[in-house]
């Protein structure tokens, strides 16, 4: 099955050129294009792509907020930011929103295709410069545990770590949904992602790992 890709970018020439490039790759199918953040959210819900290539700066709803909304609705979608912005703030905001990667628009074709394939497999994708900046970030204090040093489970999104923290406190799915003001289905999707990323098969295994890392103890 080809990797189903949605392209979200407000620059028509770049977006259409990228679509032509990707359509020529046998293992990739471009299922849609969006020129605004709102369109990206709508098309993500309607098309259910495997991977979204998301620009950061777009009209009506920026790529960071669009990513956050998409992740709330369907955490199984992998989003890779494809942007000209190299600022730490944009990179970290994208990761907090749930993006699986951050690639600069100057990347060559091989790097871009590799990023799409890696994201589809659930891997995080960053260029060398972005990886160095993330390493520095993950050594800051963790807001959930209050510890300094590497943040536990950096592969989880902020929301997934919140859910894991509540699981470790013994909360059930409905209580988590009420606490975070999200649907029960979204909680279930987050939990499925958490189990996959932590490589555990059930809630008990997730709780053990979470508590060992300092979550769920406050």
C-alpha atoms as a PDB file:
ATOM      1  CA  UNK A   1       0.000   0.000   0.000  1.00  0.00           C
ATOM      2  CA  UNK A   2       1.385   3.436  -0.894  1.00  0.00           C
ATOM      3  CA  UNK A   3       1.913   6.062   1.792  1.00  0.00           C
ATOM      4  CA  UNK A   4      -1.031   8.464   1.585  1.00  0.00           C
ATOM      5  CA  UNK A   5       0.217  12.060   1.826  1.00  0.00           C
ATOM      6  CA  UNK A   6      -1.596  15.359   2.318  1.00  0.00           C
ATOM      7  CA  UNK A   7       0.344  18.534   1.442  1.00  0.00           C
ATOM      8  CA  UNK A   8      -0.512  21.722   3.348  1.00  0.00           C
ATOM      9  CA  UNK A   9       1.225  24.872   2.094  1.00  0.00           C
ATOM     10  CA  UNK A  10      -0.114  28.263   1.081  1.00  0.00           C
ATOM     11  CA  UNK A  11       2.455  28.788  -1.696  1.00  0.00           C
ATOM     12  CA  UNK A  12       0.692  27.382  -4.752  1.00  0.00           C
ATOM     13  CA  UNK A  13       3.758  26.861  -6.931  1.00  0.00           C
ATOM     14  CA  UNK A  14       5.676  25.083  -4.173  1.00  0.00           C
ATOM     15  CA  UNK A  15       2.681  22.945  -3.166  1.00  0.00           C
ATOM     16  CA  UNK A  16       1.822  21.894  -6.699  1.00  0.00           C
ATOM     17  CA  UNK A  17       5.468  21.253  -7.558  1.00  0.00           C
ATOM     18  CA  UNK A  18       5.857  19.081  -4.498  1.00  0.00           C
ATOM     19  CA  UNK A  19       2.703  17.171  -5.418  1.00  0.00           C
ATOM     20  CA  UNK A  20       4.084  16.450  -8.898  1.00  0.00           C
ATOM     21  CA  UNK A  21       7.388  15.282  -7.412  1.00  0.00           C
ATOM     22  CA  UNK A  22       5.707  12.934  -4.932  1.00  0.00           C
ATOM     23  CA  UNK A  23       3.173  11.560  -7.416  1.00  0.00           C
ATOM     24  CA  UNK A  24       6.104  10.275  -9.472  1.00  0.00           C
ATOM     25  CA  UNK A  25       7.203   8.071  -6.552  1.00  0.00           C
ATOM     26  CA  UNK A  26       5.592   4.601  -6.772  1.00  0.00           C
ATOM     27  CA  UNK A  27       5.193   4.120  -3.011  1.00  0.00           C
ATOM     28  CA  UNK A  28       3.556   7.514  -2.355  1.00  0.00           C
ATOM     29  CA  UNK A  29       0.053   8.743  -3.218  1.00  0.00           C
ATOM     30  CA  UNK A  30      -0.827  12.431  -2.793  1.00  0.00           C
ATOM     31  CA  UNK A  31      -4.422  12.307  -1.588  1.00  0.00           C
ATOM     32  CA  UNK A  32      -5.009  16.014  -1.120  1.00  0.00           C
ATOM     33  CA  UNK A  33      -3.675  19.565  -0.977  1.00  0.00           C
ATOM     34  CA  UNK A  34      -4.525  22.369   1.443  1.00  0.00           C
ATOM     35  CA  UNK A  35      -3.648  26.058   1.204  1.00  0.00           C
ATOM     36  CA  UNK A  36      -4.699  27.060   4.731  1.00  0.00           C
ATOM     37  CA  UNK A  37      -4.465  25.568   8.194  1.00  0.00           C
ATOM     38  CA  UNK A  38      -8.234  25.186   8.401  1.00  0.00           C
ATOM     39  CA  UNK A  39      -8.296  23.288   5.122  1.00  0.00           C
ATOM     40  CA  UNK A  40      -5.543  21.007   6.444  1.00  0.00           C
ATOM     41  CA  UNK A  41      -7.656  20.189   9.510  1.00  0.00           C
ATOM     42  CA  UNK A  42     -10.744  19.543   7.392  1.00  0.00           C
ATOM     43  CA  UNK A  43      -8.938  17.388   4.836  1.00  0.00           C
ATOM     44  CA  UNK A  44      -7.116  15.417   7.528  1.00  0.00           C
ATOM     45  CA  UNK A  45     -10.500  14.468   8.985  1.00  0.00           C
ATOM     46  CA  UNK A  46     -12.050  13.702   5.601  1.00  0.00           C
ATOM     47  CA  UNK A  47      -9.131  11.861   3.972  1.00  0.00           C
ATOM     48  CA  UNK A  48      -7.289  10.231   6.875  1.00  0.00           C
ATOM     49  CA  UNK A  49      -3.802  10.506   5.316  1.00  0.00           C
ATOM     50  CA  UNK A  50      -0.847   8.565   6.685  1.00  0.00           C
ATOM     51  CA  UNK A  51       1.452  11.597   6.582  1.00  0.00           C
ATOM     52  CA  UNK A  52       0.871  15.338   6.333  1.00  0.00           C
ATOM     53  CA  UNK A  53       3.585  17.694   5.104  1.00  0.00           C
ATOM     54  CA  UNK A  54       2.662  20.891   6.946  1.00  0.00           C
ATOM     55  CA  UNK A  55       3.995  24.395   6.469  1.00  0.00           C
ATOM     56  CA  UNK A  56       4.300  26.453   9.659  1.00  0.00           C
ATOM     57  CA  UNK A  57       3.191  29.833   8.322  1.00  0.00           C
ATOM     58  CA  UNK A  58      -0.255  29.678   6.687  1.00  0.00           C
ATOM     59  CA  UNK A  59      -3.292  31.974   6.580  1.00  0.00           C
ATOM     60  CA  UNK A  60      -6.299  31.733   8.953  1.00  0.00           C
ATOM     61  CA  UNK A  61      -4.733  28.961  11.067  1.00  0.00           C
ATOM     62  CA  UNK A  62      -0.999  28.407  11.317  1.00  0.00           C
ATOM     63  CA  UNK A  63       0.571  24.985  10.889  1.00  0.00           C
ATOM     64  CA  UNK A  64       1.327  24.586  14.601  1.00  0.00           C
ATOM     65  CA  UNK A  65      -2.297  25.061  15.641  1.00  0.00           C
ATOM     66  CA  UNK A  66      -3.515  22.950  12.728  1.00  0.00           C
ATOM     67  CA  UNK A  67      -1.176  20.174  13.885  1.00  0.00           C
ATOM     68  CA  UNK A  68      -2.495  20.427  17.435  1.00  0.00           C
ATOM     69  CA  UNK A  69      -6.111  20.160  16.273  1.00  0.00           C
ATOM     70  CA  UNK A  70      -5.376  17.215  13.982  1.00  0.00           C
ATOM     71  CA  UNK A  71      -3.533  15.361  16.733  1.00  0.00           C
ATOM     72  CA  UNK A  72      -6.444  15.884  19.101  1.00  0.00           C
ATOM     73  CA  UNK A  73      -8.818  14.334  16.566  1.00  0.00           C
ATOM     74  CA  UNK A  74      -6.609  11.570  15.164  1.00  0.00           C
ATOM     75  CA  UNK A  75      -3.225  10.930  16.836  1.00  0.00           C
ATOM     76  CA  UNK A  76      -2.472   8.165  14.322  1.00  0.00           C
ATOM     77  CA  UNK A  77      -1.729  10.717  11.573  1.00  0.00           C
ATOM     78  CA  UNK A  78       1.968  11.559  11.255  1.00  0.00           C
ATOM     79  CA  UNK A  79       2.747  15.225  10.646  1.00  0.00           C
ATOM     80  CA  UNK A  80       6.078  16.500   9.356  1.00  0.00           C
ATOM     81  CA  UNK A  81       6.633  20.247   9.347  1.00  0.00           C
ATOM     82  CA  UNK A  82       8.166  21.367   6.024  1.00  0.00           C
ATOM     83  CA  UNK A  83       9.198  24.972   6.440  1.00  0.00           C
ATOM     84  CA  UNK A  84      11.765  27.721   5.918  1.00  0.00           C
ATOM     85  CA  UNK A  85      11.742  28.594   9.626  1.00  0.00           C
ATOM     86  CA  UNK A  86      14.804  27.534  11.628  1.00  0.00           C
ATOM     87  CA  UNK A  87      13.847  29.206  14.928  1.00  0.00           C
ATOM     88  CA  UNK A  88      13.920  27.145  18.128  1.00  0.00           C
ATOM     89  CA  UNK A  89      10.481  28.432  19.064  1.00  0.00           C
ATOM     90  CA  UNK A  90       8.835  27.052  15.922  1.00  0.00           C
ATOM     91  CA  UNK A  91      10.610  23.705  16.239  1.00  0.00           C
ATOM     92  CA  UNK A  92       9.673  23.193  19.881  1.00  0.00           C
ATOM     93  CA  UNK A  93       6.113  24.428  19.383  1.00  0.00           C
ATOM     94  CA  UNK A  94       5.689  21.942  16.523  1.00  0.00           C
ATOM     95  CA  UNK A  95       6.956  19.064  18.649  1.00  0.00           C
ATOM     96  CA  UNK A  96       4.688  20.037  21.536  1.00  0.00           C
ATOM     97  CA  UNK A  97       1.751  20.104  19.123  1.00  0.00           C
ATOM     98  CA  UNK A  98       2.497  16.523  18.074  1.00  0.00           C
ATOM     99  CA  UNK A  99       4.527  16.825  14.870  1.00  0.00           C
ATOM    100  CA  UNK A 100       6.729  13.802  14.158  1.00  0.00           C
ATOM    101  CA  UNK A 101       9.383  15.756  12.306  1.00  0.00           C
ATOM    102  CA  UNK A 102      10.719  19.118  11.235  1.00  0.00           C
ATOM    103  CA  UNK A 103      12.356  19.417   7.817  1.00  0.00           C
ATOM    104  CA  UNK A 104      13.592  22.571   6.101  1.00  0.00           C
ATOM    105  CA  UNK A 105      12.367  23.313   2.582  1.00  0.00           C
ATOM    106  CA  UNK A 106      15.953  23.294   1.363  1.00  0.00           C
ATOM    107  CA  UNK A 107      16.171  19.530   1.952  1.00  0.00           C
ATOM    108  CA  UNK A 108      16.944  17.433  -1.131  1.00  0.00           C
ATOM    109  CA  UNK A 109      14.548  14.889  -2.618  1.00  0.00           C
ATOM    110  CA  UNK A 110      16.178  11.880  -0.946  1.00  0.00           C
ATOM    111  CA  UNK A 111      15.963  13.492   2.503  1.00  0.00           C
ATOM    112  CA  UNK A 112      12.326  14.457   1.962  1.00  0.00           C
ATOM    113  CA  UNK A 113      11.309  10.983   0.801  1.00  0.00           C
ATOM    114  CA  UNK A 114      13.238   9.461   3.692  1.00  0.00           C
ATOM    115  CA  UNK A 115      11.390  11.740   6.107  1.00  0.00           C
ATOM    116  CA  UNK A 116       8.001  10.712   4.710  1.00  0.00           C
ATOM    117  CA  UNK A 117       8.860   7.009   4.923  1.00  0.00           C
ATOM    118  CA  UNK A 118      10.262   7.332   8.454  1.00  0.00           C
ATOM    119  CA  UNK A 119       7.243   9.309   9.666  1.00  0.00           C
ATOM    120  CA  UNK A 120       4.865   6.724   8.167  1.00  0.00           C
ATOM    121  CA  UNK A 121       6.703   4.090  10.229  1.00  0.00           C
ATOM    122  CA  UNK A 122       6.186   6.134  13.399  1.00  0.00           C
ATOM    123  CA  UNK A 123       9.744   7.434  13.637  1.00  0.00           C
ATOM    124  CA  UNK A 124      10.756  10.978  14.523  1.00  0.00           C
ATOM    125  CA  UNK A 125      12.462  12.902  11.723  1.00  0.00           C
ATOM    126  CA  UNK A 126      14.814  15.886  12.066  1.00  0.00           C
ATOM    127  CA  UNK A 127      17.683  17.395  10.164  1.00  0.00           C
ATOM    128  CA  UNK A 128      21.055  17.581  12.006  1.00  0.00           C
ATOM    129  CA  UNK A 129      20.552  21.213  13.073  1.00  0.00           C
ATOM    130  CA  UNK A 130      17.052  20.537  14.372  1.00  0.00           C
ATOM    131  CA  UNK A 131      18.239  17.414  16.218  1.00  0.00           C
ATOM    132  CA  UNK A 132      20.903  19.425  18.068  1.00  0.00           C
ATOM    133  CA  UNK A 133      18.314  21.953  19.192  1.00  0.00           C
ATOM    134  CA  UNK A 134      15.950  19.243  20.401  1.00  0.00           C
ATOM    135  CA  UNK A 135      18.731  17.603  22.407  1.00  0.00           C
ATOM    136  CA  UNK A 136      19.217  20.851  24.300  1.00  0.00           C
ATOM    137  CA  UNK A 137      15.478  21.172  24.911  1.00  0.00           C
ATOM    138  CA  UNK A 138      15.095  17.663  26.323  1.00  0.00           C
ATOM    139  CA  UNK A 139      17.682  18.439  28.971  1.00  0.00           C
ATOM    140  CA  UNK A 140      15.514  21.149  30.491  1.00  0.00           C
ATOM    141  CA  UNK A 141      13.247  20.712  33.486  1.00  0.00           C
ATOM    142  CA  UNK A 142      10.240  18.446  32.967  1.00  0.00           C
ATOM    143  CA  UNK A 143       6.958  20.223  33.841  1.00  0.00           C
ATOM    144  CA  UNK A 144       5.195  16.982  34.843  1.00  0.00           C
ATOM    145  CA  UNK A 145       7.852  15.510  37.122  1.00  0.00           C
ATOM    146  CA  UNK A 146       9.660  18.689  38.151  1.00  0.00           C
ATOM    147  CA  UNK A 147      12.970  16.947  37.506  1.00  0.00           C
ATOM    148  CA  UNK A 148      15.909  18.386  35.641  1.00  0.00           C
ATOM    149  CA  UNK A 149      17.717  16.333  33.044  1.00  0.00           C
ATOM    150  CA  UNK A 150      16.311  14.493  30.031  1.00  0.00           C
ATOM    151  CA  UNK A 151      12.523  14.631  29.745  1.00  0.00           C
ATOM    152  CA  UNK A 152      11.060  11.113  30.126  1.00  0.00           C
ATOM    153  CA  UNK A 153       9.570   9.538  27.005  1.00  0.00           C
ATOM    154  CA  UNK A 154      10.566  12.326  24.573  1.00  0.00           C
ATOM    155  CA  UNK A 155       8.906  10.375  21.761  1.00  0.00           C
ATOM    156  CA  UNK A 156       5.492  11.117  23.301  1.00  0.00           C
ATOM    157  CA  UNK A 157       3.646  14.330  22.518  1.00  0.00           C
ATOM    158  CA  UNK A 158       2.801  16.679  25.382  1.00  0.00           C
ATOM    159  CA  UNK A 159      -0.787  15.442  25.323  1.00  0.00           C
ATOM    160  CA  UNK A 160       0.274  11.791  25.339  1.00  0.00           C
ATOM    161  CA  UNK A 161       2.483  12.442  28.358  1.00  0.00           C
ATOM    162  CA  UNK A 162      -0.448  14.122  30.108  1.00  0.00           C
ATOM    163  CA  UNK A 163      -2.590  11.060  29.407  1.00  0.00           C
ATOM    164  CA  UNK A 164       0.186   8.738  30.598  1.00  0.00           C
ATOM    165  CA  UNK A 165       0.563  10.775  33.787  1.00  0.00           C
ATOM    166  CA  UNK A 166      -3.167  10.390  34.493  1.00  0.00           C
ATOM    167  CA  UNK A 167      -3.049   6.662  33.708  1.00  0.00           C
ATOM    168  CA  UNK A 168      -0.209   6.348  36.211  1.00  0.00           C
ATOM    169  CA  UNK A 169      -2.419   8.076  38.787  1.00  0.00           C
ATOM    170  CA  UNK A 170      -5.037   5.367  38.279  1.00  0.00           C
ATOM    171  CA  UNK A 171      -7.550   7.411  36.277  1.00  0.00           C
ATOM    172  CA  UNK A 172      -9.849   5.529  33.865  1.00  0.00           C
ATOM    173  CA  UNK A 173     -10.547   6.617  30.290  1.00  0.00           C
ATOM    174  CA  UNK A 174     -13.697   8.573  31.101  1.00  0.00           C
ATOM    175  CA  UNK A 175     -11.997  10.438  33.934  1.00  0.00           C
ATOM    176  CA  UNK A 176      -9.099  11.303  31.633  1.00  0.00           C
ATOM    177  CA  UNK A 177     -11.504  12.510  28.947  1.00  0.00           C
ATOM    178  CA  UNK A 178     -13.333  14.711  31.464  1.00  0.00           C
ATOM    179  CA  UNK A 179     -10.099  16.040  32.925  1.00  0.00           C
ATOM    180  CA  UNK A 180      -8.593  16.989  29.550  1.00  0.00           C
ATOM    181  CA  UNK A 181     -11.908  17.966  27.922  1.00  0.00           C
ATOM    182  CA  UNK A 182     -11.489  15.528  25.028  1.00  0.00           C
ATOM    183  CA  UNK A 183     -13.598  12.631  23.752  1.00  0.00           C
ATOM    184  CA  UNK A 184     -13.314   9.053  24.948  1.00  0.00           C
ATOM    185  CA  UNK A 185     -12.301   8.001  21.417  1.00  0.00           C
ATOM    186  CA  UNK A 186      -9.450  10.500  21.439  1.00  0.00           C
ATOM    187  CA  UNK A 187      -8.287   9.161  24.809  1.00  0.00           C
ATOM    188  CA  UNK A 188      -8.314   5.627  23.394  1.00  0.00           C
ATOM    189  CA  UNK A 189      -6.287   6.779  20.382  1.00  0.00           C
ATOM    190  CA  UNK A 190      -3.732   8.445  22.644  1.00  0.00           C
ATOM    191  CA  UNK A 191      -3.466   5.336  24.812  1.00  0.00           C
ATOM    192  CA  UNK A 192      -2.917   3.135  21.757  1.00  0.00           C
ATOM    193  CA  UNK A 193      -0.088   5.438  20.629  1.00  0.00           C
ATOM    194  CA  UNK A 194       1.390   5.425  24.134  1.00  0.00           C
ATOM    195  CA  UNK A 195       1.396   1.617  24.298  1.00  0.00           C
ATOM    196  CA  UNK A 196       3.100   1.427  20.900  1.00  0.00           C
ATOM    197  CA  UNK A 197       5.759   3.996  21.749  1.00  0.00           C
ATOM    198  CA  UNK A 198       6.459   2.535  25.205  1.00  0.00           C
ATOM    199  CA  UNK A 199       6.381  -0.992  23.742  1.00  0.00           C
ATOM    200  CA  UNK A 200       3.936  -2.261  26.351  1.00  0.00           C
ATOM    201  CA  UNK A 201       0.857  -4.407  25.827  1.00  0.00           C
ATOM    202  CA  UNK A 202      -1.424  -3.122  28.561  1.00  0.00           C
ATOM    203  CA  UNK A 203      -2.171  -0.431  31.120  1.00  0.00           C
ATOM    204  CA  UNK A 204      -0.191  -2.175  33.864  1.00  0.00           C
ATOM    205  CA  UNK A 205       2.979  -2.116  31.785  1.00  0.00           C
ATOM    206  CA  UNK A 206       2.489   1.561  30.975  1.00  0.00           C
ATOM    207  CA  UNK A 207       1.933   2.407  34.654  1.00  0.00           C
ATOM    208  CA  UNK A 208       5.139   0.637  35.693  1.00  0.00           C
ATOM    209  CA  UNK A 209       7.217   2.529  33.125  1.00  0.00           C
ATOM    210  CA  UNK A 210       5.506   5.835  33.913  1.00  0.00           C
ATOM    211  CA  UNK A 211       6.081   5.578  37.649  1.00  0.00           C
ATOM    212  CA  UNK A 212       9.689   4.537  37.173  1.00  0.00           C
ATOM    213  CA  UNK A 213      10.113   7.782  35.207  1.00  0.00           C
ATOM    214  CA  UNK A 214       8.470   9.852  37.924  1.00  0.00           C
ATOM    215  CA  UNK A 215       5.016  10.301  36.386  1.00  0.00           C
ATOM    216  CA  UNK A 216       1.796   9.806  38.313  1.00  0.00           C
ATOM    217  CA  UNK A 217       3.353  10.269  41.728  1.00  0.00           C
ATOM    218  CA  UNK A 218       2.083  13.733  42.668  1.00  0.00           C
END
